[in-house]
Amino acid sequence: MNSREKALLRARQLMDDYFSFGGSFPINMKMLASLAGITVREKYMENDQSGQLVIQDGKIAAYVNIFDPPRRQNFTIAHEIAHTLMDEFDHIQYRKKESVQDEIERLCDEIASELLLPTAEFKRQMNQHGEKLSSFKPLAKYFHASLEAVAVKFAGCAENQNRTILMVTDFHAAGRRDLAISGVIPLADWAIFVPKGLSIGKERQLADSFYQNAPFEKRMQLSLGQLQGEYLVETHPSKFQQSGKLYNKGYILLSK
């Protein structure tokens, strides 16, 4: 049994303990941390820092950024728990929001996803709501997880793997306002490269969906880089506020 398999086995054993003590969905991450011997505390952290795992005098504390939304904190707690399920882990662990993750960090994210959004229950809920983008919001509510965490889990659990999830946000440069792709989650069978930073502003139907906060699902012609031809397109627009200004963001699910 390799390190990944052992860590996932420990995660399943921890979840069994959680439910045997009366735990339910959404997963109470502070209770789960307690069962793992971890105390969770909030504190101020720099903008690029989400969590910190500290071991002192034989006691483990997981610190989360006090300014992160609760759903973001939940994944951070799950990630820090995951570190303790590995064969070895450092006395102090930091997790950066936008850092390039090494193999251990990716494994911890995989385990964190399994703790916060257990695969069997996620598939059951996904089948109930439908394998589509409009399911992300109710799934996020059910699991008390961020939309990003749901998107990543969806990518691994969806039956139709010839799709990709595009994260979209406002882009401002040289006085020009545009919508651009800020992240890409390709499913296993998706073969078309979609680069970050690709503008979608010229695709008026897509852009208007975000500017007008009007989600849709339909087949349409696209001409965006290597995305040429007809696709089934589903949009999930939303807004966020930063420094007193309102910005557009959201997701696009593309299927061939």
Foldseek 3Di string as FASTA:
>chain_A
DDQLVQLLVVLVVLVVVCVVVPADPLGPLQVSCVSLQEHEEEDADPPFWAWKWAADPNHIYIYGHPPDPPQSNLLSSQLNSSQSSTPDHDRMDIDTPDDDDDPSSVSSSVRSLCNQPNLVVLLVQCVVVDLDDVSLVVSCVGSVHDSVSNQLSSLVRPPDQQKKKFKKWWDDDPNDIFIWTQDIGHHDNHDDDDDGGFTPRVVPVQVCCQVVVNWDWDWDADDTVRRGGIWTKTWGKDWDDDPRDIIIITMMMTHD
